[in-house]
Amino acid sequence: MGHRNSKIAIVTGVSTPKDIGTAICRRLASQGIDIFFTHWNSDEKWLESFQQELESMGVRCAGVDVDLAQKDAAFNILDMVKEKLGNPTILVNNAAHSTRDGYRFLDAQILDDHYAVNMRSTFLLSVEFARRFEKYKFDSGRIINMTSGQDIGPMSDELAYVATKGAISAFTRSLSQELAPLGITVNAVNPGPTDSTWMDDGIRKHLLPKFPMGRIGTPDDAARLIGFLASDEAAWITGQVIHSEGGFIRS
């Protein structure tokens, strides 16, 4: 089992077996990092077996069902992590809200729903994590956010999603400067189109020719990069939005 000197990571958006978040938890656990994950409306049987799987790697693990759209979600999560595992030094803001819209359908409610999860929860988790980190005087910390390539190309019919996820890139760059003196690196990862929970055969058939390596990205591809950014080896990388897309062709 884990011990008090173990690193502790928070990973949001771990709700199904095929999530990127699930792969991230496995990767970090394989690196000896204790895991606290958030989920939403997940299958209880799967959650139990997943937690046991992570614990079998020799780390401690806890999870909580939480609606990240709630205003106080970030503070409640950090309180729970401290209570169950201890003070975290790694935060992976992986959870996201996404629905199709486009200019014909975009309205205030769609915008608010995306803002609450994609921006507000990510931002509040990040700053509260940093405030507590500073209080406990840790040597080094990691914040890793997820984007979806809004910086480098359009995504039609996903206006609320691209606007709110694009804001994460700007937030990442500025927060990284503020937190560098504390020893916290802040980076974002764009994993490109990833075969997680949203693809069907039609989408796969459409996307496959756009990947020159001959396959579509997997959750494990994203998790490997995040595992690196969470490690001591990545201590000199901060303020970056890393596009890890396997050469994905956007035209």
Protein backbone atom coordinates (compact mmCIF):
# COMPACT_ATOMS: atom_id res chain seq x y z
CA MET A 1 0.00 0.00 0.00
CA GLY A 2 0.99 3.66 -0.32
CA HIS A 3 2.72 5.53 2.46
CA ARG A 4 2.70 9.08 3.75
CA ASN A 5 5.61 10.12 1.59
CA SER A 6 3.82 9.09 -1.61
CA LYS A 7 2.84 11.75 -4.09
CA ILE A 8 -0.92 12.27 -4.28
CA ALA A 9 -2.69 13.16 -7.53
CA ILE A 10 -6.20 14.43 -8.16
CA VAL A 11 -7.67 13.36 -11.50
CA THR A 12 -11.12 14.66 -12.52
CA GLY A 13 -13.44 13.08 -15.07
CA VAL A 14 -12.91 9.37 -14.39
CA SER A 15 -16.35 7.93 -15.07
CA THR A 16 -16.12 4.98 -17.50
CA PRO A 17 -13.61 2.23 -18.38
CA LYS A 18 -12.64 3.97 -21.65
CA ASP A 19 -12.12 7.51 -20.33
CA ILE A 20 -8.83 9.33 -20.79
CA GLY A 21 -9.09 10.00 -17.05
CA THR A 22 -9.15 6.28 -16.33
CA ALA A 23 -5.97 5.76 -18.37
CA ILE A 24 -4.34 8.69 -16.55
CA CYS A 25 -5.10 7.13 -13.17
CA ARG A 26 -3.55 3.83 -14.26
CA ARG A 27 -0.44 5.55 -15.56
CA LEU A 28 0.10 7.66 -12.43
CA ALA A 29 -0.57 4.66 -10.17
CA SER A 30 2.08 2.71 -12.10
CA GLN A 31 4.49 5.51 -11.15
CA GLY A 32 3.74 4.96 -7.44
CA ILE A 33 1.43 7.96 -7.10
CA ASP A 34 -1.63 7.76 -4.85
CA ILE A 35 -4.86 8.56 -6.70
CA PHE A 36 -7.95 10.59 -5.82
CA PHE A 37 -10.39 10.66 -8.72
CA THR A 38 -13.74 12.30 -9.35
CA HIS A 39 -16.56 10.68 -11.28
CA TRP A 40 -20.13 11.46 -12.20
CA ASN A 41 -23.05 9.03 -12.68
CA SER A 42 -20.75 6.02 -12.94
CA ASP A 43 -21.47 2.32 -12.60
CA GLU A 44 -20.85 1.38 -8.96
CA LYS A 45 -19.59 -2.10 -9.77
CA TRP A 46 -17.01 -0.76 -12.21
CA LEU A 47 -15.90 1.94 -9.75
CA GLU A 48 -15.29 -0.67 -7.08
CA SER A 49 -13.25 -2.92 -9.38
CA PHE A 50 -11.29 0.05 -10.76
CA GLN A 51 -10.37 1.23 -7.27
CA GLN A 52 -9.23 -2.29 -6.38
CA GLU A 53 -7.18 -2.44 -9.59
CA LEU A 54 -5.32 0.75 -8.67
CA GLU A 55 -4.77 -0.39 -5.09
CA SER A 56 -3.33 -3.66 -6.41
CA MET A 57 -0.53 -1.54 -7.92
CA GLY A 58 0.56 -0.66 -4.38
CA VAL A 59 -0.94 2.81 -4.11
CA ARG A 60 -3.76 4.26 -2.08
CA CYS A 61 -6.89 5.24 -3.96
CA ALA A 62 -10.14 7.08 -3.23
CA GLY A 63 -12.87 8.52 -5.41
CA VAL A 64 -15.94 10.70 -5.10
CA ASP A 65 -19.10 11.23 -7.11
CA VAL A 66 -19.26 14.98 -7.66
CA ASP A 67 -20.99 17.41 -10.00
CA LEU A 68 -18.23 19.77 -11.05
CA ALA A 69 -20.84 22.33 -12.11
CA GLN A 70 -21.52 23.06 -8.43
CA LYS A 71 -19.93 26.32 -7.28
CA ASP A 72 -18.22 24.81 -4.23
CA ALA A 73 -17.11 21.56 -5.93
CA ALA A 74 -13.43 22.52 -6.10
CA PHE A 75 -13.15 23.32 -2.42
CA ASN A 76 -15.09 20.22 -1.39
CA ILE A 77 -12.84 18.00 -3.53
CA LEU A 78 -9.66 19.38 -1.99
CA ASP A 79 -11.09 18.96 1.52
CA MET A 80 -11.94 15.33 0.74
CA VAL A 81 -8.50 14.58 -0.70
CA LYS A 82 -6.84 15.90 2.45
CA GLU A 83 -9.19 13.90 4.66
CA LYS A 84 -8.86 10.59 2.78
CA LEU A 85 -5.25 10.63 1.49
CA GLY A 86 -3.40 13.79 2.49
CA ASN A 87 -2.26 16.95 0.71
CA PRO A 88 -1.98 16.58 -3.08
CA THR A 89 0.93 17.80 -5.20
CA ILE A 90 -0.48 16.85 -8.62
CA LEU A 91 -3.74 18.06 -10.19
CA VAL A 92 -5.01 16.80 -13.55
CA ASN A 93 -8.05 18.75 -14.74
CA ASN A 94 -9.37 16.18 -17.18
CA ALA A 95 -13.17 16.46 -16.81
CA ALA A 96 -15.06 18.23 -19.58
CA HIS A 97 -18.61 19.03 -20.61
CA SER A 98 -19.45 18.87 -24.30
CA THR A 99 -22.64 19.09 -26.36
CA ARG A 100 -23.12 19.95 -30.01
CA ASP A 101 -24.39 23.45 -30.78
CA GLY A 102 -23.40 25.69 -33.72
CA TYR A 103 -24.64 29.22 -34.31
CA ARG A 104 -28.25 28.11 -34.84
CA PHE A 105 -28.54 26.50 -31.40
CA LEU A 106 -26.12 28.30 -29.06
CA ASP A 107 -27.92 29.91 -26.12
CA ALA A 108 -27.24 31.11 -22.58
CA GLN A 109 -27.90 27.75 -20.94
CA ILE A 110 -25.51 25.88 -23.23
CA LEU A 111 -22.82 28.48 -22.55
CA ASP A 112 -23.38 28.37 -18.79
CA ASP A 113 -23.26 24.55 -18.69
CA HIS A 114 -19.93 24.51 -20.52
CA TYR A 115 -18.49 27.38 -18.49
CA ALA A 116 -19.31 25.78 -15.13
CA VAL A 117 -17.38 22.57 -15.80
CA ASN A 118 -14.75 23.44 -18.39
CA MET A 119 -13.69 26.81 -17.01
CA ARG A 120 -14.92 27.50 -13.49
CA SER A 121 -14.17 24.10 -11.96
CA THR A 122 -10.76 23.90 -13.67
CA PHE A 123 -9.80 27.42 -12.61
CA LEU A 124 -11.00 27.13 -9.01
CA LEU A 125 -9.41 23.72 -8.52
CA SER A 126 -6.14 25.11 -9.86
CA VAL A 127 -5.96 28.21 -7.67
CA GLU A 128 -7.20 26.51 -4.50
CA PHE A 129 -4.72 23.67 -5.10
CA ALA A 130 -1.96 26.31 -5.36
CA ARG A 131 -3.06 28.20 -2.26
CA ARG A 132 -2.99 25.03 -0.17
CA PHE A 133 0.28 23.92 -1.77
CA GLU A 134 1.90 27.20 -0.73
CA LYS A 135 0.60 26.78 2.81
CA TYR A 136 2.14 23.32 3.17
CA LYS A 137 5.47 24.38 1.61
CA PHE A 138 5.98 21.48 -0.79
CA ASP A 139 9.04 21.51 -3.06
CA SER A 140 7.34 20.85 -6.39
CA GLY A 141 3.87 20.50 -7.80
CA ARG A 142 2.12 19.86 -11.09
CA ILE A 143 -1.07 21.20 -12.66
CA ILE A 144 -2.00 19.59 -15.97
CA ASN A 145 -5.04 20.81 -17.91
CA MET A 146 -6.69 19.28 -20.96
CA THR A 147 -7.47 21.15 -24.16
CA SER A 148 -8.67 19.94 -27.55
CA GLY A 149 -6.70 21.80 -30.20
CA GLN A 150 -8.79 24.97 -30.27
CA ASP A 151 -5.55 26.93 -30.64
CA ILE A 152 -4.67 25.31 -33.96
CA GLY A 153 -7.90 24.80 -35.88
CA PRO A 154 -11.70 25.15 -35.94
CA MET A 155 -14.23 22.68 -34.52
CA SER A 156 -17.58 23.28 -36.21
CA ASP A 157 -20.80 23.02 -34.21
CA GLU A 158 -18.94 23.10 -30.88
CA LEU A 159 -18.84 26.83 -30.19
CA ALA A 160 -19.41 26.69 -26.43
CA TYR A 161 -16.92 23.85 -26.08
CA VAL A 162 -14.13 25.52 -28.07
CA ALA A 163 -14.66 28.87 -26.34
CA THR A 164 -14.45 27.39 -22.86
CA LYS A 165 -11.64 24.94 -23.60
CA GLY A 166 -9.71 27.64 -25.46
CA ALA A 167 -9.85 29.75 -22.31
CA ILE A 168 -7.95 26.98 -20.52
CA SER A 169 -4.93 27.56 -22.77
CA ALA A 170 -4.81 31.26 -21.87
CA PHE A 171 -5.33 30.48 -18.19
CA THR A 172 -2.57 27.85 -18.25
CA ARG A 173 0.01 30.26 -19.68
CA SER A 174 -0.71 33.04 -17.20
CA LEU A 175 -1.09 30.85 -14.14
CA SER A 176 2.22 29.16 -14.93
CA GLN A 177 4.04 32.46 -14.42
CA GLU A 178 2.32 33.13 -11.11
CA LEU A 179 3.03 29.66 -9.74
CA ALA A 180 6.59 29.13 -11.02
CA PRO A 181 8.10 30.73 -7.87
CA LEU A 182 6.24 28.11 -5.81
CA GLY A 183 7.76 25.26 -7.80
CA ILE A 184 4.44 24.38 -9.46
CA THR A 185 4.52 23.75 -13.20
CA VAL A 186 1.32 24.41 -15.15
CA ASN A 187 0.86 22.84 -18.58
CA ALA A 188 -1.94 21.80 -20.89
CA VAL A 189 -2.23 18.75 -23.14
CA ASN A 190 -4.16 18.50 -26.38
CA PRO A 191 -4.40 14.76 -27.11
CA GLY A 192 -6.15 15.25 -30.44
CA PRO A 193 -9.15 13.09 -31.41
CA THR A 194 -8.98 10.17 -29.00
CA ASP A 195 -10.93 6.91 -29.22
CA SER A 196 -12.47 7.10 -25.76
CA THR A 197 -16.21 7.30 -25.10
CA TRP A 198 -17.50 9.46 -27.94
CA MET A 199 -16.45 7.71 -31.15
CA ASP A 200 -18.58 5.37 -33.22
CA ASP A 201 -17.54 3.44 -36.33
CA GLY A 202 -18.61 6.28 -38.62
CA ILE A 203 -16.42 8.80 -36.79
CA ARG A 204 -13.50 6.36 -36.77
CA LYS A 205 -13.81 5.78 -40.52
CA HIS A 206 -13.85 9.55 -41.13
CA LEU A 207 -10.87 10.29 -38.85
CA LEU A 208 -8.54 7.41 -39.64
CA PRO A 209 -7.21 8.83 -42.96
CA LYS A 210 -6.25 12.02 -41.09
CA PHE A 211 -3.77 10.11 -38.91
CA PRO A 212 -0.57 9.52 -40.91
CA MET A 213 0.58 6.89 -38.40
CA GLY A 214 -2.31 4.70 -39.50
CA ARG A 215 -4.24 4.57 -36.24
CA ILE A 216 -6.42 6.80 -34.06
CA GLY A 217 -5.13 8.11 -30.74
CA THR A 218 -5.94 6.12 -27.60
CA PRO A 219 -6.42 7.16 -23.96
CA ASP A 220 -3.07 5.52 -23.19
CA ASP A 221 -1.34 7.89 -25.63
CA ALA A 222 -2.61 10.86 -23.62
CA ALA A 223 -1.86 9.18 -20.31
CA ARG A 224 1.80 8.58 -21.18
CA LEU A 225 2.40 12.28 -21.79
CA ILE A 226 0.55 13.27 -18.64
CA GLY A 227 2.57 10.72 -16.66
CA PHE A 228 5.73 12.40 -17.94
CA LEU A 229 4.51 15.93 -17.13
CA ALA A 230 3.62 14.75 -13.61
CA SER A 231 7.09 13.31 -13.08
CA ASP A 232 10.27 14.89 -11.72
CA GLU A 233 11.76 14.72 -15.23
CA ALA A 234 9.34 17.44 -16.40
CA ALA A 235 10.34 19.98 -13.75
CA TRP A 236 11.65 22.48 -16.36
CA ILE A 237 8.52 22.45 -18.55
CA THR A 238 5.83 25.00 -17.71
CA GLY A 239 3.39 27.32 -19.46
CA GLN A 240 3.13 25.00 -22.46
CA VAL A 241 0.19 23.71 -24.48
CA ILE A 242 1.48 20.42 -25.87
CA HIS A 243 -0.22 19.08 -28.99
CA SER A 244 0.21 15.32 -28.82
CA GLU A 245 -1.86 14.29 -31.82
CA GLY A 246 0.20 11.75 -33.72
CA GLY A 247 0.53 14.13 -36.68
CA PHE A 248 -3.27 14.58 -37.03
CA ILE A 249 -4.08 16.38 -40.28
CA ARG A 250 -6.68 19.10 -39.73
CA SER A 251 -7.45 20.04 -43.34
